[in-house]
Amino acid sequence: MDKIFIRMFLATELLKEKVTTVGTIRSDRRDLPTELRPVSAQPGTVRFAFTEDTTLVSNVPKKGKVVTVLCTQHCDMKVTDDMSDIILFYNSTKAGVDVLD
């Protein structure tokens, strides 16, 4: 999902119907933890937040850019080359979202 459509409650409701979700989430969403909101973090910083069925990962790939991804499919904290596996998975599957845009 794209950041316009995704919400924490929507991902939780879809998971109840056995539909997993992965997508970027806007940093101004009220349900996003304040620890994952844009701050003056150094490039290469990766932060995780978990609920029972949801993983949020916030990555700072370069100065001034923060990417936050919500996922109900993975619960792995593996980081490769300053990038979370969840973000790598999103990047490999986001072609459909880009075509829709």
PDB file of N, CA and C in Angstrom:
ATOM      1  N   MET A   1       0.833  -1.189   0.000  1.00  0.00           N
ATOM      2  CA  MET A   1       0.000   0.000   0.000  1.00  0.00           C
ATOM      3  C   MET A   1       0.874   1.249   0.000  1.00  0.00           C
ATOM      4  N   ASP A   2       0.308   2.287  -0.509  1.00  0.00           N
ATOM      5  CA  ASP A   2       0.974   3.570  -0.522  1.00  0.00           C
ATOM      6  C   ASP A   2       0.650   4.316   0.763  1.00  0.00           C
ATOM      7  N   LYS A   3       1.432   5.323   1.083  1.00  0.00           N
ATOM      8  CA  LYS A   3       1.265   6.065   2.338  1.00  0.00           C
ATOM      9  C   LYS A   3      -0.072   6.794   2.437  1.00  0.00           C
ATOM     10  N   ILE A   4      -0.739   6.995   1.335  1.00  0.00           N
ATOM     11  CA  ILE A   4      -2.032   7.667   1.358  1.00  0.00           C
ATOM     12  C   ILE A   4      -3.117   6.738   1.902  1.00  0.00           C
ATOM     13  N   PHE A   5      -3.032   5.457   1.599  1.00  0.00           N
ATOM     14  CA  PHE A   5      -4.089   4.505   1.933  1.00  0.00           C
ATOM     15  C   PHE A   5      -3.892   3.772   3.247  1.00  0.00           C
ATOM     16  N   ILE A   6      -2.668   3.579   3.678  1.00  0.00           N
ATOM     17  CA  ILE A   6      -2.394   2.690   4.806  1.00  0.00           C
ATOM     18  C   ILE A   6      -2.674   3.382   6.139  1.00  0.00           C
ATOM     19  N   ARG A   7      -3.254   2.626   7.054  1.00  0.00           N
ATOM     20  CA  ARG A   7      -3.519   3.063   8.428  1.00  0.00           C
ATOM     21  C   ARG A   7      -3.279   1.861   9.329  1.00  0.00           C
ATOM     22  N   MET A   8      -2.930   2.100  10.571  1.00  0.00           N
ATOM     23  CA  MET A   8      -2.694   1.015  11.518  1.00  0.00           C
ATOM     24  C   MET A   8      -3.964   0.188  11.711  1.00  0.00           C
ATOM     25  N   PHE A   9      -5.096   0.849  11.916  1.00  0.00           N
ATOM     26  CA  PHE A   9      -6.334   0.109  12.161  1.00  0.00           C
ATOM     27  C   PHE A   9      -6.749  -0.685  10.929  1.00  0.00           C
ATOM     28  N   LEU A  10      -6.503  -0.163   9.728  1.00  0.00           N
ATOM     29  CA  LEU A  10      -6.840  -0.876   8.501  1.00  0.00           C
ATOM     30  C   LEU A  10      -5.993  -2.144   8.371  1.00  0.00           C
ATOM     31  N   ALA A  11      -4.711  -2.043   8.655  1.00  0.00           N
ATOM     32  CA  ALA A  11      -3.833  -3.210   8.590  1.00  0.00           C
ATOM     33  C   ALA A  11      -4.278  -4.274   9.587  1.00  0.00           C
ATOM     34  N   THR A  12      -4.689  -3.855  10.776  1.00  0.00           N
ATOM     35  CA  THR A  12      -5.164  -4.794  11.789  1.00  0.00           C
ATOM     36  C   THR A  12      -6.462  -5.465  11.353  1.00  0.00           C
ATOM     37  N   GLU A  13      -7.373  -4.698  10.783  1.00  0.00           N
ATOM     38  CA  GLU A  13      -8.634  -5.268  10.307  1.00  0.00           C
ATOM     39  C   GLU A  13      -8.406  -6.235   9.148  1.00  0.00           C
ATOM     40  N   LEU A  14      -7.508  -5.892   8.232  1.00  0.00           N
ATOM     41  CA  LEU A  14      -7.206  -6.797   7.124  1.00  0.00           C
ATOM     42  C   LEU A  14      -6.569  -8.089   7.622  1.00  0.00           C
ATOM     43  N   LEU A  15      -5.726  -7.994   8.637  1.00  0.00           N
ATOM     44  CA  LEU A  15      -5.088  -9.184   9.183  1.00  0.00           C
ATOM     45  C   LEU A  15      -6.115 -10.131   9.799  1.00  0.00           C
ATOM     46  N   LYS A  16      -7.182  -9.586  10.373  1.00  0.00           N
ATOM     47  CA  LYS A  16      -8.257 -10.430  10.904  1.00  0.00           C
ATOM     48  C   LYS A  16      -8.892 -11.275   9.801  1.00  0.00           C
ATOM     49  N   GLU A  17      -8.849 -10.750   8.575  1.00  0.00           N
ATOM     50  CA  GLU A  17      -9.379 -11.480   7.416  1.00  0.00           C
ATOM     51  C   GLU A  17      -8.284 -12.271   6.700  1.00  0.00           C
ATOM     52  N   LYS A  18      -7.126 -12.423   7.358  1.00  0.00           N
ATOM     53  CA  LYS A  18      -5.976 -13.174   6.841  1.00  0.00           C
ATOM     54  C   LYS A  18      -5.356 -12.531   5.600  1.00  0.00           C
ATOM     55  N   VAL A  19      -5.367 -11.186   5.556  1.00  0.00           N
ATOM     56  CA  VAL A  19      -4.729 -10.426   4.487  1.00  0.00           C
ATOM     57  C   VAL A  19      -3.592  -9.645   5.118  1.00  0.00           C
ATOM     58  N   THR A  20      -2.356  -9.951   4.703  1.00  0.00           N
ATOM     59  CA  THR A  20      -1.212  -9.225   5.256  1.00  0.00           C
ATOM     60  C   THR A  20      -0.999  -7.928   4.489  1.00  0.00           C
ATOM     61  N   THR A  21      -0.323  -6.998   5.129  1.00  0.00           N
ATOM     62  CA  THR A  21      -0.138  -5.661   4.583  1.00  0.00           C
ATOM     63  C   THR A  21       1.305  -5.230   4.734  1.00  0.00           C
ATOM     64  N   VAL A  22       1.805  -4.532   3.742  1.00  0.00           N
ATOM     65  CA  VAL A  22       3.100  -3.864   3.839  1.00  0.00           C
ATOM     66  C   VAL A  22       2.987  -2.564   3.052  1.00  0.00           C
ATOM     67  N   GLY A  23       3.492  -1.490   3.638  1.00  0.00           N
ATOM     68  CA  GLY A  23       3.426  -0.213   2.944  1.00  0.00           C
ATOM     69  C   GLY A  23       4.036   0.907   3.761  1.00  0.00           C
ATOM     70  N   THR A  24       4.376   1.978   3.077  1.00  0.00           N
ATOM     71  CA  THR A  24       4.920   3.145   3.764  1.00  0.00           C
ATOM     72  C   THR A  24       3.789   3.856   4.478  1.00  0.00           C
ATOM     73  N   ILE A  25       4.111   4.471   5.593  1.00  0.00           N
ATOM     74  CA  ILE A  25       3.110   5.182   6.385  1.00  0.00           C
ATOM     75  C   ILE A  25       3.595   6.614   6.602  1.00  0.00           C
ATOM     76  N   ARG A  26       2.688   7.553   6.497  1.00  0.00           N
ATOM     77  CA  ARG A  26       3.051   8.966   6.657  1.00  0.00           C
ATOM     78  C   ARG A  26       3.457   9.251   8.097  1.00  0.00           C
ATOM     79  N   SER A  27       4.419  10.111   8.247  1.00  0.00           N
ATOM     80  CA  SER A  27       4.953  10.405   9.577  1.00  0.00           C
ATOM     81  C   SER A  27       4.017  11.261  10.421  1.00  0.00           C
ATOM     82  N   ASP A  28       2.969  11.822   9.821  1.00  0.00           N
ATOM     83  CA  ASP A  28       2.047  12.660  10.596  1.00  0.00           C
ATOM     84  C   ASP A  28       0.803  11.901  11.074  1.00  0.00           C
ATOM     85  N   ARG A  29       0.770  10.582  10.890  1.00  0.00           N
ATOM     86  CA  ARG A  29      -0.363   9.788  11.371  1.00  0.00           C
ATOM     87  C   ARG A  29      -0.382   9.784  12.893  1.00  0.00           C
ATOM     88  N   ARG A  30      -1.563   9.986  13.463  1.00  0.00           N
ATOM     89  CA  ARG A  30      -1.689  10.033  14.924  1.00  0.00           C
ATOM     90  C   ARG A  30      -1.345   8.705  15.582  1.00  0.00           C
ATOM     91  N   ASP A  31      -1.584   7.600  14.888  1.00  0.00           N
ATOM     92  CA  ASP A  31      -1.319   6.299  15.492  1.00  0.00           C
ATOM     93  C   ASP A  31       0.136   5.851  15.359  1.00  0.00           C
ATOM     94  N   LEU A  32       0.986   6.665  14.750  1.00  0.00           N
ATOM     95  CA  LEU A  32       2.413   6.354  14.643  1.00  0.00           C
ATOM     96  C   LEU A  32       3.115   6.770  15.931  1.00  0.00           C
ATOM     97  N   PRO A  33       3.889   5.869  16.539  1.00  0.00           N
ATOM     98  CA  PRO A  33       4.589   6.230  17.781  1.00  0.00           C
ATOM     99  C   PRO A  33       5.515   7.431  17.575  1.00  0.00           C
ATOM    100  N   THR A  34       5.595   8.290  18.566  1.00  0.00           N
ATOM    101  CA  THR A  34       6.429   9.491  18.452  1.00  0.00           C
ATOM    102  C   THR A  34       7.898   9.144  18.260  1.00  0.00           C
ATOM    103  N   GLU A  35       8.327   7.982  18.732  1.00  0.00           N
ATOM    104  CA  GLU A  35       9.727   7.575  18.574  1.00  0.00           C
ATOM    105  C   GLU A  35      10.095   7.325  17.114  1.00  0.00           C
ATOM    106  N   LEU A  36       9.105   7.126  16.262  1.00  0.00           N
ATOM    107  CA  LEU A  36       9.368   6.863  14.846  1.00  0.00           C
ATOM    108  C   LEU A  36       9.119   8.081  13.963  1.00  0.00           C
ATOM    109  N   ARG A  37       8.706   9.156  14.549  1.00  0.00           N
ATOM    110  CA  ARG A  37       8.469  10.372  13.760  1.00  0.00           C
ATOM    111  C   ARG A  37       9.805  10.996  13.362  1.00  0.00           C
ATOM    112  N   PRO A  38       9.802  11.790  12.279  1.00  0.00           N
ATOM    113  CA  PRO A  38      11.070  12.373  11.820  1.00  0.00           C
ATOM    114  C   PRO A  38      11.746  13.216  12.901  1.00  0.00           C
ATOM    115  N   VAL A  39      12.984  12.911  13.109  1.00  0.00           N
ATOM    116  CA  VAL A  39      13.825  13.674  14.022  1.00  0.00           C
ATOM    117  C   VAL A  39      15.168  13.845  13.347  1.00  0.00           C
ATOM    118  N   SER A  40      16.060  14.522  13.984  1.00  0.00           N
ATOM    119  CA  SER A  40      17.378  14.744  13.388  1.00  0.00           C
ATOM    120  C   SER A  40      18.271  13.522  13.599  1.00  0.00           C
ATOM    121  N   ALA A  41      17.831  12.388  13.082  1.00  0.00           N
ATOM    122  CA  ALA A  41      18.601  11.153  13.198  1.00  0.00           C
ATOM    123  C   ALA A  41      19.676  11.113  12.114  1.00  0.00           C
ATOM    124  N   GLN A  42      20.744  10.430  12.416  1.00  0.00           N
ATOM    125  CA  GLN A  42      21.844  10.284  11.469  1.00  0.00           C
ATOM    126  C   GLN A  42      21.461   9.302  10.360  1.00  0.00           C
ATOM    127  N   PRO A  43      21.967   9.520   9.141  1.00  0.00           N
ATOM    128  CA  PRO A  43      21.737   8.546   8.078  1.00  0.00           C
ATOM    129  C   PRO A  43      22.219   7.163   8.502  1.00  0.00           C
ATOM    130  N   GLY A  44      21.444   6.150   8.153  1.00  0.00           N
ATOM    131  CA  GLY A  44      21.758   4.788   8.542  1.00  0.00           C
ATOM    132  C   GLY A  44      21.049   4.338   9.802  1.00  0.00           C
ATOM    133  N   THR A  45      20.308   5.251  10.453  1.00  0.00           N
ATOM    134  CA  THR A  45      19.572   4.905  11.661  1.00  0.00           C
ATOM    135  C   THR A  45      18.337   4.087  11.299  1.00  0.00           C
ATOM    136  N   VAL A  46      18.145   2.974  12.013  1.00  0.00           N
ATOM    137  CA  VAL A  46      16.970   2.114  11.823  1.00  0.00           C
ATOM    138  C   VAL A  46      16.325   1.914  13.188  1.00  0.00           C
ATOM    139  N   ARG A  47      15.019   2.176  13.263  1.00  0.00           N
ATOM    140  CA  ARG A  47      14.267   1.998  14.513  1.00  0.00           C
ATOM    141  C   ARG A  47      13.083   1.083  14.250  1.00  0.00           C
ATOM    142  N   PHE A  48      12.760   0.253  15.257  1.00  0.00           N
ATOM    143  CA  PHE A  48      11.651  -0.681  15.144  1.00  0.00           C
ATOM    144  C   PHE A  48      10.638  -0.423  16.257  1.00  0.00           C
ATOM    145  N   ALA A  49       9.374  -0.725  15.965  1.00  0.00           N
ATOM    146  CA  ALA A  49       8.311  -0.715  16.967  1.00  0.00           C
ATOM    147  C   ALA A  49       7.412  -1.906  16.652  1.00  0.00           C
ATOM    148  N   PHE A  50       6.972  -2.579  17.708  1.00  0.00           N
ATOM    149  CA  PHE A  50       6.180  -3.791  17.530  1.00  0.00           C
ATOM    150  C   PHE A  50       4.885  -3.725  18.325  1.00  0.00           C
ATOM    151  N   THR A  51       3.841  -4.321  17.772  1.00  0.00           N
ATOM    152  CA  THR A  51       2.647  -4.677  18.511  1.00  0.00           C
ATOM    153  C   THR A  51       2.531  -6.190  18.382  1.00  0.00           C
ATOM    154  N   GLU A  52       1.448  -6.744  18.861  1.00  0.00           N
ATOM    155  CA  GLU A  52       1.284  -8.195  18.797  1.00  0.00           C
ATOM    156  C   GLU A  52       1.328  -8.724  17.368  1.00  0.00           C
ATOM    157  N   ASP A  53       0.775  -7.971  16.421  1.00  0.00           N
ATOM    158  CA  ASP A  53       0.686  -8.455  15.045  1.00  0.00           C
ATOM    159  C   ASP A  53       1.214  -7.487  13.990  1.00  0.00           C
ATOM    160  N   THR A  54       1.854  -6.413  14.404  1.00  0.00           N
ATOM    161  CA  THR A  54       2.325  -5.398  13.474  1.00  0.00           C
ATOM    162  C   THR A  54       3.761  -5.005  13.784  1.00  0.00           C
ATOM    163  N   THR A  55       4.529  -4.769  12.734  1.00  0.00           N
ATOM    164  CA  THR A  55       5.889  -4.265  12.880  1.00  0.00           C
ATOM    165  C   THR A  55       5.986  -2.937  12.138  1.00  0.00           C
ATOM    166  N   LEU A  56       6.556  -1.954  12.787  1.00  0.00           N
ATOM    167  CA  LEU A  56       6.861  -0.673  12.156  1.00  0.00           C
ATOM    168  C   LEU A  56       8.372  -0.521  12.142  1.00  0.00           C
ATOM    169  N   VAL A  57       8.906  -0.094  11.021  1.00  0.00           N
ATOM    170  CA  VAL A  57      10.340   0.148  10.931  1.00  0.00           C
ATOM    171  C   VAL A  57      10.545   1.525  10.311  1.00  0.00           C
ATOM    172  N   SER A  58      11.408   2.297  10.938  1.00  0.00           N
ATOM    173  CA  SER A  58      11.723   3.631  10.460  1.00  0.00           C
ATOM    174  C   SER A  58      13.195   3.658  10.088  1.00  0.00           C
ATOM    175  N   ASN A  59      13.482   4.106   8.878  1.00  0.00           N
ATOM    176  CA  ASN A  59      14.844   4.100   8.362  1.00  0.00           C
ATOM    177  C   ASN A  59      15.197   5.502   7.868  1.00  0.00           C
ATOM    178  N   VAL A  60      16.420   5.924   8.128  1.00  0.00           N
ATOM    179  CA  VAL A  60      16.917   7.204   7.628  1.00  0.00           C
ATOM    180  C   VAL A  60      17.985   6.885   6.580  1.00  0.00           C
ATOM    181  N   PRO A  61      17.599   6.791   5.290  1.00  0.00           N
ATOM    182  CA  PRO A  61      18.568   6.426   4.262  1.00  0.00           C
ATOM    183  C   PRO A  61      19.574   7.535   3.956  1.00  0.00           C
ATOM    184  N   LYS A  62      19.125   8.787   4.059  1.00  0.00           N
ATOM    185  CA  LYS A  62      20.033   9.916   3.861  1.00  0.00           C
ATOM    186  C   LYS A  62      19.541  11.080   4.701  1.00  0.00           C
ATOM    187  N   LYS A  63      20.368  12.062   4.872  1.00  0.00           N
ATOM    188  CA  LYS A  63      20.040  13.191   5.742  1.00  0.00           C
ATOM    189  C   LYS A  63      18.747  13.879   5.298  1.00  0.00           C
ATOM    190  N   GLY A  64      17.833  14.058   6.252  1.00  0.00           N
ATOM    191  CA  GLY A  64      16.585  14.746   5.986  1.00  0.00           C
ATOM    192  C   GLY A  64      15.480  13.879   5.412  1.00  0.00           C
ATOM    193  N   LYS A  65      15.725  12.579   5.195  1.00  0.00           N
ATOM    194  CA  LYS A  65      14.703  11.684   4.637  1.00  0.00           C
ATOM    195  C   LYS A  65      14.463  10.540   5.604  1.00  0.00           C
ATOM    196  N   VAL A  66      13.200  10.350   5.986  1.00  0.00           N
ATOM    197  CA  VAL A  66      12.799   9.263   6.878  1.00  0.00           C
ATOM    198  C   VAL A  66      11.747   8.431   6.160  1.00  0.00           C
ATOM    199  N   VAL A  67      11.952   7.120   6.113  1.00  0.00           N
ATOM    200  CA  VAL A  67      11.010   6.191   5.504  1.00  0.00           C
ATOM    201  C   VAL A  67      10.486   5.278   6.608  1.00  0.00           C
ATOM    202  N   THR A  68       9.169   5.255   6.800  1.00  0.00           N
ATOM    203  CA  THR A  68       8.560   4.385   7.806  1.00  0.00           C
ATOM    204  C   THR A  68       7.646   3.401   7.093  1.00  0.00           C
ATOM    205  N   VAL A  69       7.846   2.112   7.394  1.00  0.00           N
ATOM    206  CA  VAL A  69       7.074   1.050   6.753  1.00  0.00           C
ATOM    207  C   VAL A  69       6.313   0.277   7.820  1.00  0.00           C
ATOM    208  N   LEU A  70       5.036   0.027   7.557  1.00  0.00           N
ATOM    209  CA  LEU A  70       4.196  -0.797   8.414  1.00  0.00           C
ATOM    210  C   LEU A  70       4.064  -2.158   7.748  1.00  0.00           C
ATOM    211  N   CYS A  71       4.189  -3.222   8.531  1.00  0.00           N
ATOM    212  CA  CYS A  71       4.112  -4.560   7.973  1.00  0.00           C
ATOM    213  C   CYS A  71       3.413  -5.500   8.946  1.00  0.00           C
ATOM    214  N   THR A  72       2.490  -6.307   8.440  1.00  0.00           N
ATOM    215  CA  THR A  72       1.839  -7.319   9.256  1.00  0.00           C
ATOM    216  C   THR A  72       2.277  -8.714   8.846  1.00  0.00           C
ATOM    217  N   GLN A  73       3.291  -8.803   7.996  1.00  0.00           N
ATOM    218  CA  GLN A  73       3.750 -10.090   7.498  1.00  0.00           C
ATOM    219  C   GLN A  73       5.054 -10.519   8.149  1.00  0.00           C
ATOM    220  N   HIS A  74       5.962  -9.612   8.399  1.00  0.00           N
ATOM    221  CA  HIS A  74       7.277  -9.923   8.945  1.00  0.00           C
ATOM    222  C   HIS A  74       7.370  -9.481  10.402  1.00  0.00           C
ATOM    223  N   CYS A  75       8.168 -10.157  11.150  1.00  0.00           N
ATOM    224  CA  CYS A  75       8.473  -9.729  12.517  1.00  0.00           C
ATOM    225  C   CYS A  75       9.968  -9.887  12.757  1.00  0.00           C
ATOM    226  N   ASP A  76      10.764  -9.601  11.763  1.00  0.00           N
ATOM    227  CA  ASP A  76      12.203  -9.805  11.815  1.00  0.00           C
ATOM    228  C   ASP A  76      12.908  -8.457  11.906  1.00  0.00           C
ATOM    229  N   MET A  77      13.897  -8.382  12.773  1.00  0.00           N
ATOM    230  CA  MET A  77      14.635  -7.137  12.950  1.00  0.00           C
ATOM    231  C   MET A  77      15.957  -7.150  12.194  1.00  0.00           C
ATOM    232  N   LYS A  78      16.101  -7.989  11.193  1.00  0.00           N
ATOM    233  CA  LYS A  78      17.355  -8.099  10.461  1.00  0.00           C
ATOM    234  C   LYS A  78      17.610  -6.833   9.648  1.00  0.00           C
ATOM    235  N   VAL A  79      18.837  -6.318   9.756  1.00  0.00           N
ATOM    236  CA  VAL A  79      19.239  -5.116   9.030  1.00  0.00           C
ATOM    237  C   VAL A  79      20.471  -5.453   8.205  1.00  0.00           C
ATOM    238  N   THR A  80      20.416  -5.156   6.902  1.00  0.00           N
ATOM    239  CA  THR A  80      21.521  -5.406   5.990  1.00  0.00           C
ATOM    240  C   THR A  80      21.888  -4.099   5.310  1.00  0.00           C
ATOM    241  N   ASP A  81      23.153  -3.706   5.400  1.00  0.00           N
ATOM    242  CA  ASP A  81      23.625  -2.471   4.754  1.00  0.00           C
ATOM    243  C   ASP A  81      22.763  -1.264   5.124  1.00  0.00           C
ATOM    244  N   ASP A  82      22.518  -1.079   6.410  1.00  0.00           N
ATOM    245  CA  ASP A  82      21.730   0.044   6.930  1.00  0.00           C
ATOM    246  C   ASP A  82      20.296   0.069   6.401  1.00  0.00           C
ATOM    247  N   MET A  83      19.762  -1.091   6.014  1.00  0.00           N
ATOM    248  CA  MET A  83      18.402  -1.175   5.495  1.00  0.00           C
ATOM    249  C   MET A  83      17.745  -2.417   6.084  1.00  0.00           C
ATOM    250  N   SER A  84      16.558  -2.257   6.612  1.00  0.00           N
ATOM    251  CA  SER A  84      15.814  -3.369   7.193  1.00  0.00           C
ATOM    252  C   SER A  84      15.310  -4.308   6.096  1.00  0.00           C
ATOM    253  N   ASP A  85      15.217  -5.592   6.411  1.00  0.00           N
ATOM    254  CA  ASP A  85      14.670  -6.554   5.456  1.00  0.00           C
ATOM    255  C   ASP A  85      13.225  -6.229   5.104  1.00  0.00           C
ATOM    256  N   ILE A  86      12.497  -5.625   6.026  1.00  0.00           N
ATOM    257  CA  ILE A  86      11.106  -5.238   5.753  1.00  0.00           C
ATOM    258  C   ILE A  86      11.064  -4.168   4.664  1.00  0.00           C
ATOM    259  N   ILE A  87      11.950  -3.197   4.733  1.00  0.00           N
ATOM    260  CA  ILE A  87      11.989  -2.145   3.708  1.00  0.00           C
ATOM    261  C   ILE A  87      12.461  -2.724   2.380  1.00  0.00           C
ATOM    262  N   LEU A  88      13.416  -3.630   2.414  1.00  0.00           N
ATOM    263  CA  LEU A  88      13.858  -4.286   1.176  1.00  0.00           C
ATOM    264  C   LEU A  88      12.701  -5.072   0.546  1.00  0.00           C
ATOM    265  N   PHE A  89      11.900  -5.761   1.383  1.00  0.00           N
ATOM    266  CA  PHE A  89      10.734  -6.487   0.879  1.00  0.00           C
ATOM    267  C   PHE A  89       9.737  -5.518   0.258  1.00  0.00           C
ATOM    268  N   TYR A  90       9.460  -4.398   0.925  1.00  0.00           N
ATOM    269  CA  TYR A  90       8.537  -3.400   0.377  1.00  0.00           C
ATOM    270  C   TYR A  90       9.050  -2.884  -0.971  1.00  0.00           C
ATOM    271  N   ASN A  91      10.342  -2.570  -1.043  1.00  0.00           N
ATOM    272  CA  ASN A  91      10.916  -2.056  -2.287  1.00  0.00           C
ATOM    273  C   ASN A  91      10.785  -3.059  -3.429  1.00  0.00           C
ATOM    274  N   SER A  92      10.886  -4.359  -3.108  1.00  0.00           N
ATOM    275  CA  SER A  92      10.792  -5.375  -4.162  1.00  0.00           C
ATOM    276  C   SER A  92       9.358  -5.620  -4.619  1.00  0.00           C
ATOM    277  N   THR A  93       8.367  -5.195  -3.829  1.00  0.00           N
ATOM    278  CA  THR A  93       6.967  -5.464  -4.173  1.00  0.00           C
ATOM    279  C   THR A  93       6.156  -4.204  -4.468  1.00  0.00           C
ATOM    280  N   LYS A  94       6.770  -3.048  -4.463  1.00  0.00           N
ATOM    281  CA  LYS A  94       6.000  -1.805  -4.616  1.00  0.00           C
ATOM    282  C   LYS A  94       5.695  -1.426  -6.062  1.00  0.00           C
ATOM    283  N   ALA A  95       6.073  -2.250  -7.011  1.00  0.00           N
ATOM    284  CA  ALA A  95       5.827  -1.922  -8.423  1.00  0.00           C
ATOM    285  C   ALA A  95       4.343  -1.703  -8.699  1.00  0.00           C
ATOM    286  N   GLY A  96       3.466  -2.510  -8.090  1.00  0.00           N
ATOM    287  CA  GLY A  96       2.028  -2.348  -8.300  1.00  0.00           C
ATOM    288  C   GLY A  96       1.534  -1.003  -7.797  1.00  0.00           C
ATOM    289  N   VAL A  97       2.061  -0.540  -6.688  1.00  0.00           N
ATOM    290  CA  VAL A  97       1.679   0.770  -6.150  1.00  0.00           C
ATOM    291  C   VAL A  97       2.155   1.867  -7.087  1.00  0.00           C
ATOM    292  N   ASP A  98       3.371   1.745  -7.603  1.00  0.00           N
ATOM    293  CA  ASP A  98       3.897   2.755  -8.523  1.00  0.00           C
ATOM    294  C   ASP A  98       3.087   2.795  -9.814  1.00  0.00           C
ATOM    295  N   VAL A  99       2.652   1.644 -10.312  1.00  0.00           N
ATOM    296  CA  VAL A  99       1.834   1.605 -11.526  1.00  0.00           C
ATOM    297  C   VAL A  99       0.500   2.287 -11.266  1.00  0.00           C
ATOM    298  N   LEU A 100      -0.100   2.027 -10.102  1.00  0.00           N
ATOM    299  CA  LEU A 100      -1.368   2.661  -9.749  1.00  0.00           C
ATOM    300  C   LEU A 100      -1.218   4.175  -9.684  1.00  0.00           C
ATOM    301  N   ASP A 101      -0.113   4.656  -9.096  1.00  0.00           N
ATOM    302  CA  ASP A 101       0.120   6.106  -9.014  1.00  0.00           C
ATOM    303  C   ASP A 101       0.243   6.692 -10.406  1.00  0.00           C
TER     304      ASP A 101
END
